[in-house]
Amino acid sequence: MIKELENLKNKIENICHNYKDDNIGGWITGDGPVPCNLLFIGEAPGKTEVEERKPFVGKAGESFEKYLKYIGLNRKNVRITNTCFFRPIKIKTNKFGKKTVSNRTPKVKEINLFKNILNEEIELVNPKIIVTLGNIPLKQMTNFKSIGECHGNLYFNEILNVNIFPMYHPSSLNYNNNETFIKTYKEDWIKLKKVLDKII
């Protein structure tokens, strides 16, 4: 298994090294045990993730770990990966010549660069449930267009032969910090716990 994971890492590194179509700022791989019953798939790494070489360790990661604990899970017992393995960035220069770097949403073609790698990782992890976090992985794993129409429910992906449980991305709490959304978000985690109790 170590050899297979090293092989995936090399493929990711090769893609990132040769990608010249837009600005990117570093890359990471998935993190956690393999095989694993539960696989979380996010969008793409941010600044902190690239610095620490792990997914979900920034501000969104803090929320993520808080809710993992909320339903009795521990980060070291789940696998976490991304749909796009490099950090997509935009660089702006102001009138004084100062540069700012920020995250951007990965383009479809950037996501497609890693499609086969993600499928290989899923095969290695062999999860009983995949939790998609946000719209980007949702569109890769299901036919839904928006997380709003399907979050908190279990679906079956016949191609991958695995259960999919779509959830809002933890970063959504940063810009939907109202009681109604927080309640919905918590309820989805409770629903996930019930699903896990049945399936795992």
C-alpha atoms as a PDB file:
ATOM      1  CA  MET A   1       0.000   0.000   0.000  1.00  0.00           C
ATOM      2  CA  ILE A   2       2.886   2.400   0.751  1.00  0.00           C
ATOM      3  CA  LYS A   3       4.174   1.828  -2.780  1.00  0.00           C
ATOM      4  CA  GLU A   4       0.754   2.630  -4.307  1.00  0.00           C
ATOM      5  CA  LEU A   5       0.405   5.822  -2.259  1.00  0.00           C
ATOM      6  CA  GLU A   6       3.932   6.889  -3.205  1.00  0.00           C
ATOM      7  CA  ASN A   7       3.010   6.287  -6.835  1.00  0.00           C
ATOM      8  CA  LEU A   8      -0.041   8.570  -6.475  1.00  0.00           C
ATOM      9  CA  LYS A   9       2.115  11.233  -4.836  1.00  0.00           C
ATOM     10  CA  ASN A  10       4.575  11.094  -7.735  1.00  0.00           C
ATOM     11  CA  LYS A  11       1.749  11.456 -10.269  1.00  0.00           C
ATOM     12  CA  ILE A  12       0.381  14.502  -8.412  1.00  0.00           C
ATOM     13  CA  GLU A  13       3.844  16.062  -8.212  1.00  0.00           C
ATOM     14  CA  ASN A  14       4.416  15.475 -11.921  1.00  0.00           C
ATOM     15  CA  ILE A  15       1.118  17.141 -12.908  1.00  0.00           C
ATOM     16  CA  CYS A  16       1.799  20.146 -10.664  1.00  0.00           C
ATOM     17  CA  HIS A  17       5.377  20.514 -11.890  1.00  0.00           C
ATOM     18  CA  ASN A  18       4.265  20.570 -15.532  1.00  0.00           C
ATOM     19  CA  TYR A  19       1.139  22.733 -15.138  1.00  0.00           C
ATOM     20  CA  LYS A  20       1.662  26.131 -16.779  1.00  0.00           C
ATOM     21  CA  ASP A  21      -1.870  27.276 -17.720  1.00  0.00           C
ATOM     22  CA  ASP A  22      -2.521  29.383 -14.611  1.00  0.00           C
ATOM     23  CA  ASN A  23      -1.022  30.286 -11.252  1.00  0.00           C
ATOM     24  CA  ILE A  24      -0.788  27.613  -8.585  1.00  0.00           C
ATOM     25  CA  GLY A  25       0.845  27.712  -5.167  1.00  0.00           C
ATOM     26  CA  GLY A  26       2.033  24.305  -4.038  1.00  0.00           C
ATOM     27  CA  TRP A  27       0.314  20.949  -3.726  1.00  0.00           C
ATOM     28  CA  ILE A  28      -0.585  18.223  -1.221  1.00  0.00           C
ATOM     29  CA  THR A  29      -1.767  14.616  -1.128  1.00  0.00           C
ATOM     30  CA  GLY A  30      -4.536  12.904   0.826  1.00  0.00           C
ATOM     31  CA  ASP A  31      -4.105  12.197   4.535  1.00  0.00           C
ATOM     32  CA  GLY A  32      -5.272   9.395   6.803  1.00  0.00           C
ATOM     33  CA  PRO A  33      -5.401   5.603   6.942  1.00  0.00           C
ATOM     34  CA  VAL A  34      -5.681   3.390   3.858  1.00  0.00           C
ATOM     35  CA  PRO A  35      -7.921   1.431   3.588  1.00  0.00           C
ATOM     36  CA  CYS A  36     -10.562   3.396   5.490  1.00  0.00           C
ATOM     37  CA  ASN A  37     -14.358   3.143   5.864  1.00  0.00           C
ATOM     38  CA  LEU A  38     -14.910   6.897   5.669  1.00  0.00           C
ATOM     39  CA  LEU A  39     -13.428   9.221   3.039  1.00  0.00           C
ATOM     40  CA  PHE A  40     -13.965  12.990   3.017  1.00  0.00           C
ATOM     41  CA  ILE A  41     -13.312  14.806  -0.261  1.00  0.00           C
ATOM     42  CA  GLY A  42     -12.773  18.566  -0.283  1.00  0.00           C
ATOM     43  CA  GLU A  43     -12.153  21.069  -3.046  1.00  0.00           C
ATOM     44  CA  ALA A  44      -8.492  22.143  -3.158  1.00  0.00           C
ATOM     45  CA  PRO A  45      -5.809  23.037  -0.607  1.00  0.00           C
ATOM     46  CA  GLY A  46      -5.362  26.586   0.673  1.00  0.00           C
ATOM     47  CA  LYS A  47      -2.300  28.394   1.987  1.00  0.00           C
ATOM     48  CA  THR A  48      -2.148  26.637   5.387  1.00  0.00           C
ATOM     49  CA  GLU A  49      -2.740  23.218   3.843  1.00  0.00           C
ATOM     50  CA  VAL A  50       0.177  23.659   1.452  1.00  0.00           C
ATOM     51  CA  GLU A  51       2.427  24.945   4.244  1.00  0.00           C
ATOM     52  CA  GLU A  52       1.602  21.994   6.517  1.00  0.00           C
ATOM     53  CA  ARG A  53       1.305  19.458   3.649  1.00  0.00           C
ATOM     54  CA  LYS A  54      -2.089  18.226   4.910  1.00  0.00           C
ATOM     55  CA  PRO A  55      -5.718  18.785   3.875  1.00  0.00           C
ATOM     56  CA  PHE A  56      -8.099  20.690   6.154  1.00  0.00           C
ATOM     57  CA  VAL A  57      -5.673  22.253   8.627  1.00  0.00           C
ATOM     58  CA  GLY A  58      -6.613  25.911   8.103  1.00  0.00           C
ATOM     59  CA  LYS A  59      -9.655  27.736   9.451  1.00  0.00           C
ATOM     60  CA  ALA A  60     -12.040  25.361   7.663  1.00  0.00           C
ATOM     61  CA  GLY A  61     -10.057  22.482   9.155  1.00  0.00           C
ATOM     62  CA  GLU A  62     -10.741  23.730  12.678  1.00  0.00           C
ATOM     63  CA  SER A  63     -14.497  23.661  11.998  1.00  0.00           C
ATOM     64  CA  PHE A  64     -14.150  20.268  10.356  1.00  0.00           C
ATOM     65  CA  GLU A  65     -12.365  18.728  13.364  1.00  0.00           C
ATOM     66  CA  LYS A  66     -14.847  20.307  15.767  1.00  0.00           C
ATOM     67  CA  TYR A  67     -17.762  18.611  14.003  1.00  0.00           C
ATOM     68  CA  LEU A  68     -15.902  15.323  13.651  1.00  0.00           C
ATOM     69  CA  LYS A  69     -15.604  15.297  17.447  1.00  0.00           C
ATOM     70  CA  TYR A  70     -19.244  16.392  17.724  1.00  0.00           C
ATOM     71  CA  ILE A  71     -20.316  13.002  16.292  1.00  0.00           C
ATOM     72  CA  GLY A  72     -17.618  11.002  18.071  1.00  0.00           C
ATOM     73  CA  LEU A  73     -15.083  10.735  15.253  1.00  0.00           C
ATOM     74  CA  ASN A  74     -11.370  11.388  15.299  1.00  0.00           C
ATOM     75  CA  ARG A  75      -9.327  12.794  12.443  1.00  0.00           C
ATOM     76  CA  LYS A  76      -6.757  10.001  12.636  1.00  0.00           C
ATOM     77  CA  ASN A  77      -9.502   7.436  11.902  1.00  0.00           C
ATOM     78  CA  VAL A  78     -10.761   9.023   8.669  1.00  0.00           C
ATOM     79  CA  ARG A  79      -9.177   9.663   5.265  1.00  0.00           C
ATOM     80  CA  ILE A  80      -9.271  13.193   3.849  1.00  0.00           C
ATOM     81  CA  THR A  81      -8.412  14.149   0.291  1.00  0.00           C
ATOM     82  CA  ASN A  82      -9.198  16.731  -2.413  1.00  0.00           C
ATOM     83  CA  THR A  83     -10.687  16.973  -5.879  1.00  0.00           C
ATOM     84  CA  CYS A  84      -7.830  19.220  -7.019  1.00  0.00           C
ATOM     85  CA  PHE A  85      -4.456  18.557  -5.399  1.00  0.00           C
ATOM     86  CA  PHE A  86      -2.723  21.864  -6.085  1.00  0.00           C
ATOM     87  CA  ARG A  87      -3.608  25.262  -4.638  1.00  0.00           C
ATOM     88  CA  PRO A  88      -5.223  27.400  -7.371  1.00  0.00           C
ATOM     89  CA  ILE A  89      -4.240  31.034  -6.766  1.00  0.00           C
ATOM     90  CA  LYS A  90      -4.764  34.483  -8.227  1.00  0.00           C
ATOM     91  CA  ILE A  91      -2.047  37.108  -7.960  1.00  0.00           C
ATOM     92  CA  LYS A  92      -2.935  40.797  -7.945  1.00  0.00           C
ATOM     93  CA  THR A  93      -0.580  43.770  -7.969  1.00  0.00           C
ATOM     94  CA  ASN A  94      -1.836  47.105  -6.637  1.00  0.00           C
ATOM     95  CA  LYS A  95      -0.777  50.544  -7.910  1.00  0.00           C
ATOM     96  CA  PHE A  96       2.124  50.597  -5.441  1.00  0.00           C
ATOM     97  CA  GLY A  97       3.504  47.343  -6.836  1.00  0.00           C
ATOM     98  CA  LYS A  98       2.460  45.247  -3.837  1.00  0.00           C
ATOM     99  CA  LYS A  99       1.439  41.714  -4.745  1.00  0.00           C
ATOM    100  CA  THR A 100      -1.375  39.829  -3.022  1.00  0.00           C
ATOM    101  CA  VAL A 101      -2.015  36.109  -3.397  1.00  0.00           C
ATOM    102  CA  SER A 102      -5.442  34.590  -2.782  1.00  0.00           C
ATOM    103  CA  ASN A 103      -7.217  31.294  -3.408  1.00  0.00           C
ATOM    104  CA  ARG A 104      -9.445  30.801  -6.417  1.00  0.00           C
ATOM    105  CA  THR A 105     -11.897  28.066  -7.365  1.00  0.00           C
ATOM    106  CA  PRO A 106     -10.244  25.342  -9.445  1.00  0.00           C
ATOM    107  CA  LYS A 107     -11.245  25.300 -13.102  1.00  0.00           C
ATOM    108  CA  VAL A 108     -12.973  22.267 -14.590  1.00  0.00           C
ATOM    109  CA  LYS A 109      -9.866  21.430 -16.625  1.00  0.00           C
ATOM    110  CA  GLU A 110      -7.743  21.611 -13.453  1.00  0.00           C
ATOM    111  CA  ILE A 111     -10.082  19.222 -11.650  1.00  0.00           C
ATOM    112  CA  ASN A 112     -10.000  16.893 -14.660  1.00  0.00           C
ATOM    113  CA  LEU A 113      -6.192  16.731 -14.458  1.00  0.00           C
ATOM    114  CA  PHE A 114      -6.627  14.805 -11.199  1.00  0.00           C
ATOM    115  CA  LYS A 115      -9.772  12.817 -11.982  1.00  0.00           C
ATOM    116  CA  ASN A 116      -7.986   9.505 -12.525  1.00  0.00           C
ATOM    117  CA  ILE A 117      -5.745  10.044  -9.499  1.00  0.00           C
ATOM    118  CA  LEU A 118      -8.762  10.686  -7.263  1.00  0.00           C
ATOM    119  CA  ASN A 119     -10.444   7.537  -8.614  1.00  0.00           C
ATOM    120  CA  GLU A 120      -7.260   5.562  -7.913  1.00  0.00           C
ATOM    121  CA  GLU A 121      -7.169   6.908  -4.376  1.00  0.00           C
ATOM    122  CA  ILE A 122     -10.824   5.963  -3.840  1.00  0.00           C
ATOM    123  CA  GLU A 123     -10.015   2.457  -5.045  1.00  0.00           C
ATOM    124  CA  LEU A 124      -7.102   2.174  -2.595  1.00  0.00           C
ATOM    125  CA  VAL A 125      -9.074   3.623   0.324  1.00  0.00           C
ATOM    126  CA  ASN A 126     -12.085   1.412  -0.494  1.00  0.00           C
ATOM    127  CA  PRO A 127     -14.488   3.481   1.658  1.00  0.00           C
ATOM    128  CA  LYS A 128     -18.004   2.433   2.619  1.00  0.00           C
ATOM    129  CA  ILE A 129     -19.045   6.102   2.528  1.00  0.00           C
ATOM    130  CA  ILE A 130     -17.623   9.117   0.705  1.00  0.00           C
ATOM    131  CA  VAL A 131     -18.556  12.496   2.166  1.00  0.00           C
ATOM    132  CA  THR A 132     -18.266  15.280  -0.413  1.00  0.00           C
ATOM    133  CA  LEU A 133     -17.588  18.702   1.117  1.00  0.00           C
ATOM    134  CA  GLY A 134     -18.970  21.484  -1.080  1.00  0.00           C
ATOM    135  CA  ASN A 135     -19.964  21.759  -4.737  1.00  0.00           C
ATOM    136  CA  ILE A 136     -16.676  20.861  -6.448  1.00  0.00           C
ATOM    137  CA  PRO A 137     -16.397  17.231  -5.231  1.00  0.00           C
ATOM    138  CA  LEU A 138     -20.196  16.909  -5.369  1.00  0.00           C
ATOM    139  CA  LYS A 139     -20.169  17.499  -9.133  1.00  0.00           C
ATOM    140  CA  GLN A 140     -17.395  14.920  -9.538  1.00  0.00           C
ATOM    141  CA  MET A 141     -19.166  12.211  -7.546  1.00  0.00           C
ATOM    142  CA  THR A 142     -22.849  12.801  -8.426  1.00  0.00           C
ATOM    143  CA  ASN A 143     -25.093  14.357 -11.074  1.00  0.00           C
ATOM    144  CA  PHE A 144     -26.220  17.134  -8.742  1.00  0.00           C
ATOM    145  CA  LYS A 145     -25.363  20.709  -9.663  1.00  0.00           C
ATOM    146  CA  SER A 146     -25.641  22.282  -6.222  1.00  0.00           C
ATOM    147  CA  ILE A 147     -25.144  21.182  -2.627  1.00  0.00           C
ATOM    148  CA  GLY A 148     -28.369  22.970  -1.667  1.00  0.00           C
ATOM    149  CA  GLU A 149     -30.489  20.336  -3.433  1.00  0.00           C
ATOM    150  CA  CYS A 150     -28.980  17.215  -1.884  1.00  0.00           C
ATOM    151  CA  HIS A 151     -27.009  17.848   1.340  1.00  0.00           C
ATOM    152  CA  GLY A 152     -27.565  15.549   4.295  1.00  0.00           C
ATOM    153  CA  ASN A 153     -28.858  12.612   2.227  1.00  0.00           C
ATOM    154  CA  LEU A 154     -27.271   9.343   1.142  1.00  0.00           C
ATOM    155  CA  TYR A 155     -26.866   8.491  -2.549  1.00  0.00           C
ATOM    156  CA  PHE A 156     -25.294   5.561  -4.356  1.00  0.00           C
ATOM    157  CA  ASN A 157     -22.696   6.029  -7.082  1.00  0.00           C
ATOM    158  CA  GLU A 158     -23.087   2.970  -9.303  1.00  0.00           C
ATOM    159  CA  ILE A 159     -19.911   3.627 -11.288  1.00  0.00           C
ATOM    160  CA  LEU A 160     -17.715   3.693  -8.167  1.00  0.00           C
ATOM    161  CA  ASN A 161     -20.016   1.292  -6.297  1.00  0.00           C
ATOM    162  CA  VAL A 162     -19.985   3.441  -3.166  1.00  0.00           C
ATOM    163  CA  ASN A 163     -22.350   5.500  -0.989  1.00  0.00           C
ATOM    164  CA  ILE A 164     -22.051   9.295  -1.298  1.00  0.00           C
ATOM    165  CA  PHE A 165     -23.132  11.672   1.468  1.00  0.00           C
ATOM    166  CA  PRO A 166     -23.007  15.326   0.309  1.00  0.00           C
ATOM    167  CA  MET A 167     -22.350  18.045   2.896  1.00  0.00           C
ATOM    168  CA  TYR A 168     -21.641  21.759   2.897  1.00  0.00           C
ATOM    169  CA  HIS A 169     -17.974  22.690   2.949  1.00  0.00           C
ATOM    170  CA  PRO A 170     -16.803  23.659   6.473  1.00  0.00           C
ATOM    171  CA  SER A 171     -15.705  27.075   5.138  1.00  0.00           C
ATOM    172  CA  SER A 172     -19.386  27.845   4.416  1.00  0.00           C
ATOM    173  CA  LEU A 173     -19.700  28.540   8.148  1.00  0.00           C
ATOM    174  CA  ASN A 174     -17.409  31.557   7.641  1.00  0.00           C
ATOM    175  CA  TYR A 175     -19.879  33.341   5.371  1.00  0.00           C
ATOM    176  CA  ASN A 176     -23.181  31.785   6.535  1.00  0.00           C
ATOM    177  CA  ASN A 177     -22.719  32.414  10.214  1.00  0.00           C
ATOM    178  CA  ASN A 178     -26.417  32.641  11.029  1.00  0.00           C
ATOM    179  CA  GLU A 179     -28.496  30.424  13.315  1.00  0.00           C
ATOM    180  CA  THR A 180     -30.543  28.828  10.521  1.00  0.00           C
ATOM    181  CA  PHE A 181     -27.505  27.687   8.539  1.00  0.00           C
ATOM    182  CA  ILE A 182     -25.580  26.520  11.632  1.00  0.00           C
ATOM    183  CA  LYS A 183     -28.635  24.458  12.644  1.00  0.00           C
ATOM    184  CA  THR A 184     -28.820  22.883   9.155  1.00  0.00           C
ATOM    185  CA  TYR A 185     -25.089  22.200   9.187  1.00  0.00           C
ATOM    186  CA  LYS A 186     -25.255  20.500  12.599  1.00  0.00           C
ATOM    187  CA  GLU A 187     -28.273  18.440  11.534  1.00  0.00           C
ATOM    188  CA  ASP A 188     -26.341  17.142   8.515  1.00  0.00           C
ATOM    189  CA  TRP A 189     -23.559  15.903  10.811  1.00  0.00           C
ATOM    190  CA  ILE A 190     -26.131  14.177  13.023  1.00  0.00           C
ATOM    191  CA  LYS A 191     -27.626  12.555   9.902  1.00  0.00           C
ATOM    192  CA  LEU A 192     -24.127  11.418   8.904  1.00  0.00           C
ATOM    193  CA  LYS A 193     -23.675   9.821  12.335  1.00  0.00           C
ATOM    194  CA  LYS A 194     -26.941   7.874  11.895  1.00  0.00           C
ATOM    195  CA  VAL A 195     -25.844   6.706   8.430  1.00  0.00           C
ATOM    196  CA  LEU A 196     -22.444   5.620   9.762  1.00  0.00           C
ATOM    197  CA  ASP A 197     -24.070   3.691  12.606  1.00  0.00           C
ATOM    198  CA  LYS A 198     -26.124   1.763  10.045  1.00  0.00           C
ATOM    199  CA  ILE A 199     -23.453   1.119   7.429  1.00  0.00           C
ATOM    200  CA  ILE A 200     -20.154   0.858   9.330  1.00  0.00           C
END
